[in-house]
Amino acid sequence: MAADVEAVVLVHGLFMRGAVMLPLAVQLELAGFETRLFSYPTRARSPAENAVALRRLLCNIPAWRVHVVAHSLGGLVLRHAAAQGLPGRFGRAVTLGTPHRASATARLLARFPAGRRLLKRSLERGLLGDDLPPWPPALPLGSIAGMLPVGLGRLLPGLPQPNDGTVAVEETRLPGMTDHIVLPVSHTGLLLRPAVVAQVESFLRHGRFQHAAAVKW
């Protein structure tokens, strides 16, 4: 990776590995960014512990500016990394369907022993919203939410509306964020739909989403 490029680190969500971010990585490469996939154990370590490795990667990428795009739980890992201190070369961040205000789906599952065994350490300072660090207001953050309710949440009672099938729109809002937008996509669709890629690129380039364009999709 050349030192004069803009790099984007892609951070996956719960139950996933880095390869799930490849479609988005390809699209961002075509837009002129260099990309790196960050893969981490989503349940064996807490978000705060995974943040140590993410921060190390961000500090060692040889690029003049480093951005992050994180899906779901990955956005909480990013918040912990930001609290630990990001490099001065850090540019902008976009979270996709991240439950910044705690996950109603996780809270419902955590009521049952089987649910806690399923989610394991992702609950620690993570999906339950307990002791999550605030976002540093000096760092630009854009949050994208989906409102197509297709996913795990449809099987659980009480998930607030509107939602993307897993995360409610209201859960994706975070004090200190720079911009927020809602698109007609599902939680998984946030990784695949061209409309999302266009909004991610807009925020990384200009620090804002294309709200007028979103109305047309």
N, C-alpha and C. Protein backbone atom coordinates (compact mmCIF):
# COMPACT_ATOMS: atom_id res chain seq x y z
N MET A 1 0.85 -1.20 0.00
CA MET A 1 0.00 0.00 0.00
C MET A 1 0.88 1.24 0.00
N ALA A 2 0.68 2.13 -0.96
CA ALA A 2 1.49 3.33 -1.07
C ALA A 2 1.11 4.35 0.00
N ALA A 3 2.10 5.15 0.41
CA ALA A 3 1.88 6.11 1.48
C ALA A 3 1.01 7.28 1.07
N ASP A 4 0.77 7.47 -0.23
CA ASP A 4 -0.01 8.63 -0.68
C ASP A 4 -1.46 8.27 -0.99
N VAL A 5 -1.93 7.11 -0.54
CA VAL A 5 -3.29 6.69 -0.82
C VAL A 5 -4.19 6.92 0.39
N GLU A 6 -5.50 6.87 0.13
CA GLU A 6 -6.49 6.83 1.19
C GLU A 6 -6.89 5.37 1.41
N ALA A 7 -6.77 4.92 2.63
CA ALA A 7 -7.10 3.53 2.94
C ALA A 7 -8.41 3.46 3.70
N VAL A 8 -9.13 2.36 3.50
CA VAL A 8 -10.36 2.10 4.23
C VAL A 8 -10.25 0.73 4.88
N VAL A 9 -10.38 0.68 6.18
CA VAL A 9 -10.40 -0.59 6.91
C VAL A 9 -11.85 -0.99 7.10
N LEU A 10 -12.18 -2.22 6.71
CA LEU A 10 -13.55 -2.71 6.78
C LEU A 10 -13.68 -3.70 7.94
N VAL A 11 -14.65 -3.46 8.81
CA VAL A 11 -14.81 -4.23 10.04
C VAL A 11 -16.18 -4.92 10.02
N HIS A 12 -16.19 -6.23 10.11
CA HIS A 12 -17.43 -7.00 10.00
C HIS A 12 -18.20 -7.03 11.31
N GLY A 13 -19.37 -7.66 11.27
CA GLY A 13 -20.24 -7.76 12.43
C GLY A 13 -20.28 -9.14 13.05
N LEU A 14 -21.24 -9.34 13.92
CA LEU A 14 -21.39 -10.55 14.72
C LEU A 14 -21.54 -11.79 13.85
N PHE A 15 -20.92 -12.89 14.29
CA PHE A 15 -20.96 -14.21 13.64
C PHE A 15 -20.22 -14.25 12.29
N MET A 16 -19.62 -13.16 11.88
CA MET A 16 -19.01 -13.07 10.55
C MET A 16 -17.49 -13.13 10.64
N ARG A 17 -16.86 -13.14 9.47
CA ARG A 17 -15.42 -13.00 9.33
C ARG A 17 -15.15 -11.92 8.29
N GLY A 18 -13.90 -11.56 8.13
CA GLY A 18 -13.55 -10.44 7.26
C GLY A 18 -14.02 -10.58 5.83
N ALA A 19 -14.09 -11.82 5.33
CA ALA A 19 -14.45 -12.04 3.93
C ALA A 19 -15.83 -11.52 3.58
N VAL A 20 -16.72 -11.39 4.58
CA VAL A 20 -18.07 -10.92 4.29
C VAL A 20 -18.06 -9.48 3.79
N MET A 21 -16.97 -8.76 4.07
CA MET A 21 -16.86 -7.36 3.64
C MET A 21 -16.26 -7.22 2.24
N LEU A 22 -15.92 -8.33 1.60
CA LEU A 22 -15.27 -8.27 0.28
C LEU A 22 -16.10 -7.53 -0.78
N PRO A 23 -17.42 -7.78 -0.90
CA PRO A 23 -18.18 -7.03 -1.93
C PRO A 23 -18.08 -5.52 -1.76
N LEU A 24 -18.15 -5.05 -0.52
CA LEU A 24 -18.01 -3.62 -0.27
C LEU A 24 -16.59 -3.17 -0.55
N ALA A 25 -15.61 -4.00 -0.21
CA ALA A 25 -14.21 -3.65 -0.47
C ALA A 25 -13.95 -3.48 -1.96
N VAL A 26 -14.51 -4.37 -2.76
CA VAL A 26 -14.33 -4.29 -4.21
C VAL A 26 -14.88 -2.97 -4.74
N GLN A 27 -16.07 -2.60 -4.27
CA GLN A 27 -16.68 -1.36 -4.75
C GLN A 27 -15.87 -0.12 -4.32
N LEU A 28 -15.33 -0.15 -3.13
CA LEU A 28 -14.53 0.98 -2.68
C LEU A 28 -13.19 1.04 -3.41
N GLU A 29 -12.64 -0.12 -3.75
CA GLU A 29 -11.41 -0.14 -4.56
C GLU A 29 -11.67 0.49 -5.93
N LEU A 30 -12.83 0.18 -6.53
CA LEU A 30 -13.19 0.76 -7.83
C LEU A 30 -13.37 2.28 -7.72
N ALA A 31 -13.73 2.74 -6.53
CA ALA A 31 -13.90 4.18 -6.30
C ALA A 31 -12.58 4.88 -6.01
N GLY A 32 -11.48 4.11 -5.93
CA GLY A 32 -10.17 4.73 -5.76
C GLY A 32 -9.53 4.58 -4.39
N PHE A 33 -10.19 3.88 -3.48
CA PHE A 33 -9.62 3.65 -2.16
C PHE A 33 -8.82 2.34 -2.14
N GLU A 34 -7.82 2.28 -1.26
CA GLU A 34 -7.19 1.02 -0.93
C GLU A 34 -7.92 0.45 0.28
N THR A 35 -8.11 -0.87 0.35
CA THR A 35 -8.89 -1.43 1.44
C THR A 35 -8.12 -2.51 2.19
N ARG A 36 -8.48 -2.65 3.44
CA ARG A 36 -7.97 -3.74 4.29
C ARG A 36 -9.16 -4.35 5.02
N LEU A 37 -9.18 -5.66 5.16
CA LEU A 37 -10.22 -6.34 5.92
C LEU A 37 -9.68 -6.64 7.32
N PHE A 38 -10.47 -6.27 8.32
CA PHE A 38 -10.11 -6.59 9.70
C PHE A 38 -11.02 -7.71 10.18
N SER A 39 -10.43 -8.85 10.52
CA SER A 39 -11.19 -10.00 10.98
C SER A 39 -10.89 -10.24 12.46
N TYR A 40 -11.90 -10.55 13.22
CA TYR A 40 -11.73 -10.71 14.66
C TYR A 40 -12.74 -11.72 15.20
N PRO A 41 -12.48 -12.32 16.36
CA PRO A 41 -13.41 -13.27 16.97
C PRO A 41 -14.56 -12.53 17.66
N THR A 42 -15.73 -12.58 17.09
CA THR A 42 -16.83 -11.72 17.55
C THR A 42 -17.41 -12.15 18.89
N ARG A 43 -17.25 -13.42 19.25
CA ARG A 43 -17.86 -13.91 20.49
C ARG A 43 -16.84 -14.34 21.54
N ALA A 44 -15.64 -14.70 21.13
CA ALA A 44 -14.63 -15.18 22.06
C ALA A 44 -13.94 -14.05 22.82
N ARG A 45 -13.99 -12.85 22.25
CA ARG A 45 -13.40 -11.67 22.91
C ARG A 45 -14.43 -10.56 22.96
N SER A 46 -14.28 -9.68 23.92
CA SER A 46 -15.19 -8.54 24.04
C SER A 46 -14.85 -7.49 22.98
N PRO A 47 -15.79 -6.59 22.67
CA PRO A 47 -15.47 -5.50 21.73
C PRO A 47 -14.26 -4.68 22.16
N ALA A 48 -14.11 -4.45 23.45
CA ALA A 48 -12.97 -3.67 23.93
C ALA A 48 -11.65 -4.39 23.66
N GLU A 49 -11.65 -5.72 23.82
CA GLU A 49 -10.44 -6.49 23.55
C GLU A 49 -10.14 -6.52 22.06
N ASN A 50 -11.16 -6.70 21.24
CA ASN A 50 -10.94 -6.69 19.79
C ASN A 50 -10.48 -5.32 19.30
N ALA A 51 -10.86 -4.28 20.02
CA ALA A 51 -10.47 -2.93 19.63
C ALA A 51 -8.97 -2.72 19.69
N VAL A 52 -8.29 -3.44 20.56
CA VAL A 52 -6.83 -3.31 20.68
C VAL A 52 -6.17 -3.69 19.36
N ALA A 53 -6.63 -4.82 18.77
CA ALA A 53 -6.06 -5.26 17.49
C ALA A 53 -6.46 -4.32 16.36
N LEU A 54 -7.68 -3.80 16.39
CA LEU A 54 -8.11 -2.86 15.36
C LEU A 54 -7.27 -1.59 15.42
N ARG A 55 -7.07 -1.07 16.60
CA ARG A 55 -6.26 0.15 16.75
C ARG A 55 -4.84 -0.08 16.27
N ARG A 56 -4.28 -1.26 16.57
CA ARG A 56 -2.93 -1.57 16.11
C ARG A 56 -2.85 -1.55 14.59
N LEU A 57 -3.85 -2.13 13.94
CA LEU A 57 -3.88 -2.13 12.48
C LEU A 57 -3.97 -0.71 11.95
N LEU A 58 -4.87 0.10 12.51
CA LEU A 58 -5.04 1.47 12.04
C LEU A 58 -3.76 2.29 12.19
N CYS A 59 -3.02 2.04 13.24
CA CYS A 59 -1.79 2.79 13.49
C CYS A 59 -0.64 2.39 12.57
N ASN A 60 -0.74 1.20 11.97
CA ASN A 60 0.38 0.67 11.18
C ASN A 60 0.14 0.65 9.69
N ILE A 61 -1.01 1.13 9.23
CA ILE A 61 -1.26 1.16 7.79
C ILE A 61 -0.50 2.33 7.17
N PRO A 62 0.34 2.10 6.15
CA PRO A 62 1.13 3.16 5.53
C PRO A 62 0.33 3.95 4.51
N ALA A 63 -0.58 4.78 4.99
CA ALA A 63 -1.39 5.63 4.11
C ALA A 63 -1.47 7.01 4.73
N TRP A 64 -1.69 8.01 3.89
CA TRP A 64 -1.73 9.37 4.44
C TRP A 64 -3.04 9.64 5.18
N ARG A 65 -4.08 8.86 4.86
CA ARG A 65 -5.34 8.98 5.59
C ARG A 65 -5.98 7.60 5.68
N VAL A 66 -6.52 7.31 6.85
CA VAL A 66 -7.12 5.99 7.09
C VAL A 66 -8.56 6.18 7.57
N HIS A 67 -9.51 5.59 6.84
CA HIS A 67 -10.92 5.61 7.21
C HIS A 67 -11.33 4.23 7.71
N VAL A 68 -12.52 4.17 8.32
CA VAL A 68 -13.08 2.88 8.76
C VAL A 68 -14.54 2.81 8.36
N VAL A 69 -14.94 1.66 7.83
CA VAL A 69 -16.35 1.35 7.60
C VAL A 69 -16.65 0.07 8.38
N ALA A 70 -17.60 0.14 9.31
CA ALA A 70 -17.86 -0.97 10.21
C ALA A 70 -19.33 -1.35 10.18
N HIS A 71 -19.57 -2.66 10.14
CA HIS A 71 -20.94 -3.18 10.12
C HIS A 71 -21.34 -3.70 11.49
N SER A 72 -22.50 -3.28 11.97
CA SER A 72 -23.14 -3.84 13.16
C SER A 72 -22.21 -3.82 14.37
N LEU A 73 -21.91 -4.98 14.96
CA LEU A 73 -21.02 -5.06 16.12
C LEU A 73 -19.67 -4.40 15.86
N GLY A 74 -19.22 -4.42 14.60
CA GLY A 74 -17.94 -3.80 14.27
C GLY A 74 -17.88 -2.33 14.63
N GLY A 75 -19.03 -1.65 14.58
CA GLY A 75 -19.06 -0.25 14.97
C GLY A 75 -18.80 -0.04 16.45
N LEU A 76 -19.18 -1.01 17.27
CA LEU A 76 -18.91 -0.92 18.70
C LEU A 76 -17.43 -1.19 18.98
N VAL A 77 -16.84 -2.11 18.22
CA VAL A 77 -15.39 -2.32 18.31
C VAL A 77 -14.66 -1.02 17.95
N LEU A 78 -15.13 -0.36 16.92
CA LEU A 78 -14.53 0.91 16.50
C LEU A 78 -14.65 1.96 17.60
N ARG A 79 -15.78 2.03 18.27
CA ARG A 79 -15.94 3.00 19.36
C ARG A 79 -14.91 2.78 20.46
N HIS A 80 -14.68 1.53 20.79
CA HIS A 80 -13.66 1.24 21.81
C HIS A 80 -12.27 1.61 21.31
N ALA A 81 -12.00 1.36 20.03
CA ALA A 81 -10.70 1.74 19.46
C ALA A 81 -10.51 3.25 19.51
N ALA A 82 -11.59 3.99 19.20
CA ALA A 82 -11.52 5.45 19.23
C ALA A 82 -11.24 5.95 20.65
N ALA A 83 -11.83 5.29 21.64
CA ALA A 83 -11.59 5.68 23.03
C ALA A 83 -10.16 5.40 23.45
N GLN A 84 -9.56 4.37 22.83
CA GLN A 84 -8.16 4.04 23.15
C GLN A 84 -7.19 4.99 22.46
N GLY A 85 -7.67 5.72 21.45
CA GLY A 85 -6.84 6.70 20.77
C GLY A 85 -6.47 6.27 19.36
N LEU A 86 -6.97 7.01 18.37
CA LEU A 86 -6.70 6.69 16.98
C LEU A 86 -5.57 7.54 16.45
N PRO A 87 -4.88 7.08 15.40
CA PRO A 87 -3.74 7.83 14.86
C PRO A 87 -4.16 9.18 14.28
N GLY A 88 -3.24 10.10 14.24
CA GLY A 88 -3.54 11.42 13.70
C GLY A 88 -3.94 11.39 12.24
N ARG A 89 -3.60 10.30 11.55
CA ARG A 89 -3.96 10.16 10.13
C ARG A 89 -5.39 9.69 9.94
N PHE A 90 -6.10 9.48 11.04
CA PHE A 90 -7.46 8.96 10.92
C PHE A 90 -8.35 9.98 10.22
N GLY A 91 -9.16 9.49 9.28
CA GLY A 91 -10.01 10.38 8.51
C GLY A 91 -11.45 10.38 8.98
N ARG A 92 -12.28 9.51 8.39
CA ARG A 92 -13.70 9.47 8.72
C ARG A 92 -14.14 8.04 8.96
N ALA A 93 -15.27 7.90 9.63
CA ALA A 93 -15.81 6.58 9.93
C ALA A 93 -17.27 6.51 9.53
N VAL A 94 -17.68 5.35 9.03
CA VAL A 94 -19.08 5.08 8.72
C VAL A 94 -19.47 3.78 9.41
N THR A 95 -20.57 3.79 10.14
CA THR A 95 -21.09 2.56 10.72
C THR A 95 -22.38 2.18 9.98
N LEU A 96 -22.54 0.89 9.77
CA LEU A 96 -23.67 0.34 9.02
C LEU A 96 -24.50 -0.53 9.94
N GLY A 97 -25.69 -0.06 10.31
CA GLY A 97 -26.55 -0.86 11.17
C GLY A 97 -25.95 -1.17 12.53
N THR A 98 -25.15 -0.27 13.07
CA THR A 98 -24.55 -0.48 14.39
C THR A 98 -25.52 -0.04 15.48
N PRO A 99 -25.80 -0.91 16.46
CA PRO A 99 -26.70 -0.53 17.56
C PRO A 99 -25.97 0.31 18.61
N HIS A 100 -25.79 1.57 18.31
CA HIS A 100 -25.04 2.45 19.21
C HIS A 100 -25.75 2.66 20.54
N ARG A 101 -27.06 2.49 20.55
CA ARG A 101 -27.83 2.71 21.79
C ARG A 101 -28.25 1.39 22.43
N ALA A 102 -27.55 0.36 22.20
CA ALA A 102 -27.85 -0.99 22.70
C ALA A 102 -28.82 -1.68 21.76
N SER A 103 -28.69 -2.98 21.69
CA SER A 103 -29.48 -3.79 20.77
C SER A 103 -30.66 -4.43 21.48
N ALA A 104 -31.87 -4.09 21.04
CA ALA A 104 -33.06 -4.72 21.61
C ALA A 104 -33.05 -6.22 21.33
N THR A 105 -32.56 -6.60 20.15
CA THR A 105 -32.46 -8.02 19.81
C THR A 105 -31.55 -8.75 20.79
N ALA A 106 -30.39 -8.16 21.09
CA ALA A 106 -29.47 -8.78 22.04
C ALA A 106 -30.06 -8.83 23.44
N ARG A 107 -30.75 -7.78 23.84
CA ARG A 107 -31.37 -7.77 25.16
C ARG A 107 -32.40 -8.89 25.30
N LEU A 108 -33.18 -9.09 24.25
CA LEU A 108 -34.18 -10.15 24.28
C LEU A 108 -33.52 -11.53 24.36
N LEU A 109 -32.48 -11.75 23.55
CA LEU A 109 -31.80 -13.04 23.55
C LEU A 109 -31.09 -13.28 24.88
N ALA A 110 -30.54 -12.22 25.47
CA ALA A 110 -29.76 -12.37 26.70
C ALA A 110 -30.61 -12.73 27.90
N ARG A 111 -31.93 -12.68 27.77
CA ARG A 111 -32.80 -13.09 28.87
C ARG A 111 -32.75 -14.60 29.10
N PHE A 112 -32.28 -15.33 28.09
CA PHE A 112 -32.30 -16.78 28.15
C PHE A 112 -30.88 -17.33 28.14
N PRO A 113 -30.62 -18.38 28.90
CA PRO A 113 -29.27 -18.97 28.91
C PRO A 113 -28.76 -19.33 27.52
N ALA A 114 -29.63 -19.88 26.67
CA ALA A 114 -29.20 -20.24 25.32
C ALA A 114 -28.80 -19.00 24.53
N GLY A 115 -29.53 -17.90 24.74
CA GLY A 115 -29.19 -16.66 24.04
C GLY A 115 -27.85 -16.10 24.49
N ARG A 116 -27.58 -16.17 25.79
CA ARG A 116 -26.29 -15.68 26.29
C ARG A 116 -25.15 -16.56 25.80
N ARG A 117 -25.40 -17.86 25.70
CA ARG A 117 -24.36 -18.74 25.15
C ARG A 117 -24.12 -18.45 23.68
N LEU A 118 -25.17 -18.06 22.96
CA LEU A 118 -25.04 -17.74 21.55
C LEU A 118 -24.21 -16.48 21.34
N LEU A 119 -24.47 -15.46 22.13
CA LEU A 119 -23.81 -14.16 21.95
C LEU A 119 -22.47 -14.06 22.67
N LYS A 120 -22.32 -14.84 23.73
CA LYS A 120 -21.07 -14.90 24.49
C LYS A 120 -20.53 -13.50 24.83
N ARG A 121 -19.26 -13.24 24.54
CA ARG A 121 -18.61 -12.03 25.04
C ARG A 121 -18.90 -10.79 24.20
N SER A 122 -19.68 -10.93 23.13
CA SER A 122 -20.11 -9.73 22.40
C SER A 122 -21.01 -8.85 23.26
N LEU A 123 -21.54 -9.42 24.36
CA LEU A 123 -22.40 -8.67 25.27
C LEU A 123 -21.61 -7.76 26.20
N GLU A 124 -20.33 -8.04 26.43
CA GLU A 124 -19.51 -7.30 27.39
C GLU A 124 -19.13 -5.93 26.84
N ARG A 125 -19.64 -4.89 27.46
CA ARG A 125 -19.37 -3.53 26.98
C ARG A 125 -19.63 -3.46 25.47
N GLY A 126 -20.72 -4.09 25.05
CA GLY A 126 -21.01 -4.21 23.62
C GLY A 126 -22.48 -4.12 23.32
N LEU A 127 -23.08 -5.23 22.91
CA LEU A 127 -24.44 -5.20 22.36
C LEU A 127 -25.50 -4.81 23.37
N LEU A 128 -25.24 -5.00 24.67
CA LEU A 128 -26.22 -4.59 25.68
C LEU A 128 -26.16 -3.10 25.97
N GLY A 129 -25.16 -2.43 25.42
CA GLY A 129 -25.07 -0.98 25.59
C GLY A 129 -24.47 -0.55 26.91
N ASP A 130 -23.96 -1.49 27.70
CA ASP A 130 -23.40 -1.16 29.01
C ASP A 130 -21.97 -0.66 28.87
N ASP A 131 -21.70 0.51 29.44
CA ASP A 131 -20.34 1.05 29.52
C ASP A 131 -19.68 1.18 28.15
N LEU A 132 -20.45 1.60 27.16
CA LEU A 132 -19.86 1.89 25.85
C LEU A 132 -19.24 3.29 25.88
N PRO A 133 -18.04 3.45 25.35
CA PRO A 133 -17.42 4.78 25.37
C PRO A 133 -18.12 5.73 24.41
N PRO A 134 -18.16 7.01 24.73
CA PRO A 134 -18.74 7.99 23.80
C PRO A 134 -17.86 8.13 22.57
N TRP A 135 -18.46 8.64 21.50
CA TRP A 135 -17.69 8.90 20.29
C TRP A 135 -16.98 10.24 20.41
N PRO A 136 -15.69 10.30 20.11
CA PRO A 136 -14.97 11.59 20.18
C PRO A 136 -15.56 12.57 19.17
N PRO A 137 -16.09 13.71 19.61
CA PRO A 137 -16.76 14.64 18.69
C PRO A 137 -15.85 15.20 17.60
N ALA A 138 -14.53 15.16 17.81
CA ALA A 138 -13.62 15.69 16.80
C ALA A 138 -13.47 14.76 15.60
N LEU A 139 -13.91 13.50 15.72
CA LEU A 139 -13.76 12.53 14.64
C LEU A 139 -15.08 12.44 13.87
N PRO A 140 -15.08 12.66 12.55
CA PRO A 140 -16.32 12.60 11.76
C PRO A 140 -16.87 11.17 11.71
N LEU A 141 -18.14 11.05 12.05
CA LEU A 141 -18.81 9.75 12.04
C LEU A 141 -20.15 9.85 11.34
N GLY A 142 -20.36 8.99 10.35
CA GLY A 142 -21.65 8.89 9.69
C GLY A 142 -22.27 7.55 10.00
N SER A 143 -23.55 7.54 10.34
CA SER A 143 -24.25 6.31 10.69
C SER A 143 -25.36 6.04 9.66
N ILE A 144 -25.33 4.84 9.08
CA ILE A 144 -26.35 4.44 8.11
C ILE A 144 -27.23 3.36 8.75
N ALA A 145 -28.54 3.56 8.68
CA ALA A 145 -29.50 2.60 9.20
C ALA A 145 -30.32 2.02 8.05
N GLY A 146 -30.77 0.79 8.23
CA GLY A 146 -31.68 0.17 7.27
C GLY A 146 -33.09 0.14 7.83
N MET A 147 -34.07 0.09 6.93
CA MET A 147 -35.46 0.03 7.39
C MET A 147 -36.27 -1.03 6.64
N LEU A 148 -35.58 -2.05 6.09
CA LEU A 148 -36.26 -3.18 5.46
C LEU A 148 -36.22 -4.34 6.46
N PRO A 149 -37.34 -4.67 7.11
CA PRO A 149 -37.33 -5.60 8.23
C PRO A 149 -37.25 -7.06 7.82
N VAL A 150 -36.05 -7.47 7.41
CA VAL A 150 -35.81 -8.86 7.03
C VAL A 150 -34.63 -9.37 7.85
N GLY A 151 -34.89 -10.33 8.76
CA GLY A 151 -33.78 -10.82 9.56
C GLY A 151 -34.24 -11.45 10.86
N LEU A 152 -33.28 -11.71 11.75
CA LEU A 152 -33.51 -12.40 13.00
C LEU A 152 -34.57 -11.71 13.86
N GLY A 153 -34.55 -10.39 13.86
CA GLY A 153 -35.45 -9.64 14.71
C GLY A 153 -36.92 -9.89 14.45
N ARG A 154 -37.25 -10.34 13.25
CA ARG A 154 -38.65 -10.61 12.93
C ARG A 154 -39.20 -11.76 13.76
N LEU A 155 -38.31 -12.61 14.27
CA LEU A 155 -38.74 -13.76 15.06
C LEU A 155 -38.86 -13.42 16.55
N LEU A 156 -38.44 -12.21 16.93
CA LEU A 156 -38.43 -11.82 18.33
C LEU A 156 -39.46 -10.71 18.56
N PRO A 157 -40.21 -10.78 19.66
CA PRO A 157 -41.20 -9.74 19.95
C PRO A 157 -40.53 -8.47 20.49
N GLY A 158 -41.09 -7.36 20.16
CA GLY A 158 -40.67 -6.12 20.80
C GLY A 158 -39.58 -5.33 20.11
N LEU A 159 -39.11 -5.75 18.93
CA LEU A 159 -38.09 -4.95 18.24
C LEU A 159 -38.74 -3.67 17.74
N PRO A 160 -38.23 -2.50 18.15
CA PRO A 160 -38.86 -1.24 17.76
C PRO A 160 -38.91 -1.06 16.25
N GLN A 161 -39.92 -0.34 15.81
CA GLN A 161 -40.08 0.03 14.40
C GLN A 161 -39.66 1.48 14.20
N PRO A 162 -39.13 1.76 12.99
CA PRO A 162 -38.71 0.86 11.92
C PRO A 162 -37.38 0.18 12.27
N ASN A 163 -37.09 -0.90 11.56
CA ASN A 163 -35.84 -1.62 11.80
C ASN A 163 -35.39 -2.32 10.52
N ASP A 164 -34.19 -2.85 10.54
CA ASP A 164 -33.64 -3.54 9.36
C ASP A 164 -33.75 -5.05 9.47
N GLY A 165 -34.58 -5.51 10.41
CA GLY A 165 -34.73 -6.93 10.66
C GLY A 165 -33.90 -7.41 11.83
N THR A 166 -32.93 -6.62 12.25
CA THR A 166 -32.07 -6.97 13.38
C THR A 166 -31.86 -5.79 14.32
N VAL A 167 -31.64 -4.61 13.75
CA VAL A 167 -31.35 -3.40 14.52
C VAL A 167 -32.38 -2.32 14.20
N ALA A 168 -32.93 -1.69 15.22
CA ALA A 168 -33.88 -0.60 15.03
C ALA A 168 -33.17 0.67 14.59
N VAL A 169 -33.86 1.46 13.79
CA VAL A 169 -33.28 2.73 13.31
C VAL A 169 -32.84 3.60 14.47
N GLU A 170 -33.68 3.70 15.50
CA GLU A 170 -33.35 4.56 16.63
C GLU A 170 -32.08 4.12 17.34
N GLU A 171 -31.77 2.84 17.28
CA GLU A 171 -30.57 2.33 17.94
C GLU A 171 -29.29 2.76 17.22
N THR A 172 -29.41 3.20 15.98
CA THR A 172 -28.23 3.57 15.20
C THR A 172 -27.82 5.02 15.40
N ARG A 173 -28.56 5.75 16.21
CA ARG A 173 -28.23 7.16 16.46
C ARG A 173 -27.27 7.26 17.64
N LEU A 174 -26.34 8.18 17.52
CA LEU A 174 -25.29 8.31 18.54
C LEU A 174 -24.96 9.78 18.77
N PRO A 175 -24.98 10.25 20.01
CA PRO A 175 -24.56 11.62 20.28
C PRO A 175 -23.14 11.86 19.77
N GLY A 176 -22.95 12.97 19.09
CA GLY A 176 -21.64 13.31 18.56
C GLY A 176 -21.44 12.89 17.12
N MET A 177 -22.38 12.12 16.56
CA MET A 177 -22.22 11.72 15.16
C MET A 177 -22.38 12.93 14.26
N THR A 178 -21.76 12.87 13.09
CA THR A 178 -21.78 13.98 12.15
C THR A 178 -23.01 13.96 11.27
N ASP A 179 -23.44 12.77 10.84
CA ASP A 179 -24.57 12.65 9.93
C ASP A 179 -25.22 11.28 10.11
N HIS A 180 -26.49 11.20 9.74
CA HIS A 180 -27.25 9.95 9.87
C HIS A 180 -28.22 9.87 8.71
N ILE A 181 -28.37 8.64 8.17
CA ILE A 181 -29.28 8.46 7.04
C ILE A 181 -29.94 7.09 7.14
N VAL A 182 -31.17 6.99 6.66
CA VAL A 182 -31.93 5.74 6.69
C VAL A 182 -32.22 5.33 5.25
N LEU A 183 -31.89 4.08 4.92
CA LEU A 183 -32.08 3.57 3.57
C LEU A 183 -32.99 2.33 3.60
N PRO A 184 -33.71 2.06 2.51
CA PRO A 184 -34.63 0.91 2.47
C PRO A 184 -33.91 -0.41 2.19
N VAL A 185 -33.06 -0.81 3.12
CA VAL A 185 -32.28 -2.04 2.98
C VAL A 185 -32.35 -2.82 4.29
N SER A 186 -32.04 -4.11 4.22
CA SER A 186 -32.01 -4.96 5.41
C SER A 186 -30.64 -4.89 6.08
N HIS A 187 -30.53 -5.58 7.22
CA HIS A 187 -29.26 -5.56 7.95
C HIS A 187 -28.13 -6.14 7.10
N THR A 188 -28.39 -7.24 6.42
CA THR A 188 -27.38 -7.82 5.53
C THR A 188 -27.23 -6.98 4.27
N GLY A 189 -28.33 -6.42 3.78
CA GLY A 189 -28.29 -5.59 2.58
C GLY A 189 -27.40 -4.37 2.71
N LEU A 190 -27.12 -3.95 3.95
CA LEU A 190 -26.22 -2.83 4.17
C LEU A 190 -24.82 -3.10 3.62
N LEU A 191 -24.50 -4.37 3.42
CA LEU A 191 -23.18 -4.74 2.89
C LEU A 191 -23.18 -4.93 1.38
N LEU A 192 -24.35 -4.93 0.76
CA LEU A 192 -24.44 -5.37 -0.63
C LEU A 192 -25.05 -4.35 -1.59
N ARG A 193 -25.88 -3.48 -1.10
CA ARG A 193 -26.67 -2.64 -2.00
C ARG A 193 -25.86 -1.46 -2.53
N PRO A 194 -25.94 -1.18 -3.84
CA PRO A 194 -25.21 -0.04 -4.43
C PRO A 194 -25.55 1.29 -3.78
N ALA A 195 -26.80 1.44 -3.33
CA ALA A 195 -27.19 2.70 -2.69
C ALA A 195 -26.38 2.95 -1.42
N VAL A 196 -26.07 1.89 -0.70
CA VAL A 196 -25.27 2.03 0.52
C VAL A 196 -23.84 2.40 0.16
N VAL A 197 -23.29 1.74 -0.85
CA VAL A 197 -21.92 2.04 -1.28
C VAL A 197 -21.79 3.51 -1.67
N ALA A 198 -22.78 4.01 -2.38
CA ALA A 198 -22.75 5.43 -2.80
C ALA A 198 -22.74 6.37 -1.60
N GLN A 199 -23.52 6.03 -0.58
CA GLN A 199 -23.56 6.88 0.61
C GLN A 199 -22.26 6.78 1.41
N VAL A 200 -21.70 5.58 1.48
CA VAL A 200 -20.41 5.42 2.17
C VAL A 200 -19.34 6.25 1.47
N GLU A 201 -19.28 6.15 0.16
CA GLU A 201 -18.28 6.92 -0.58
C GLU A 201 -18.48 8.42 -0.39
N SER A 202 -19.74 8.87 -0.40
CA SER A 202 -20.02 10.29 -0.20
C SER A 202 -19.50 10.77 1.14
N PHE A 203 -19.73 9.99 2.19
CA PHE A 203 -19.27 10.44 3.50
C PHE A 203 -17.75 10.41 3.61
N LEU A 204 -17.13 9.38 3.07
CA LEU A 204 -15.67 9.31 3.14
C LEU A 204 -15.02 10.45 2.36
N ARG A 205 -15.63 10.83 1.24
CA ARG A 205 -15.07 11.91 0.42
C ARG A 205 -15.38 13.30 0.98
N HIS A 206 -16.63 13.49 1.43
CA HIS A 206 -17.10 14.85 1.71
C HIS A 206 -17.57 15.07 3.15
N GLY A 207 -17.65 14.01 3.95
CA GLY A 207 -18.08 14.17 5.33
C GLY A 207 -19.57 14.34 5.50
N ARG A 208 -20.34 13.94 4.49
CA ARG A 208 -21.81 14.04 4.58
C ARG A 208 -22.44 13.03 3.63
N PHE A 209 -23.69 12.68 3.92
CA PHE A 209 -24.43 11.78 3.07
C PHE A 209 -25.21 12.55 2.01
N GLN A 210 -25.66 11.85 0.99
CA GLN A 210 -26.46 12.44 -0.08
C GLN A 210 -27.94 12.25 0.25
N HIS A 211 -28.47 13.13 1.07
CA HIS A 211 -29.85 12.97 1.54
C HIS A 211 -30.86 13.13 0.41
N ALA A 212 -30.60 14.00 -0.52
CA ALA A 212 -31.54 14.16 -1.65
C ALA A 212 -31.61 12.91 -2.48
N ALA A 213 -30.49 12.26 -2.68
CA ALA A 213 -30.46 11.03 -3.45
C ALA A 213 -31.18 9.90 -2.73
N ALA A 214 -31.09 9.88 -1.40
CA ALA A 214 -31.71 8.80 -0.62
C ALA A 214 -33.22 8.79 -0.78
N VAL A 215 -33.82 9.95 -0.99
CA VAL A 215 -35.26 10.04 -1.14
C VAL A 215 -35.70 9.28 -2.39
N LYS A 216 -34.85 9.19 -3.40
CA LYS A 216 -35.21 8.56 -4.68
C LYS A 216 -35.10 7.04 -4.62
N TRP A 217 -34.35 6.50 -3.64
CA TRP A 217 -34.12 5.06 -3.62
C TRP A 217 -35.24 4.35 -2.88
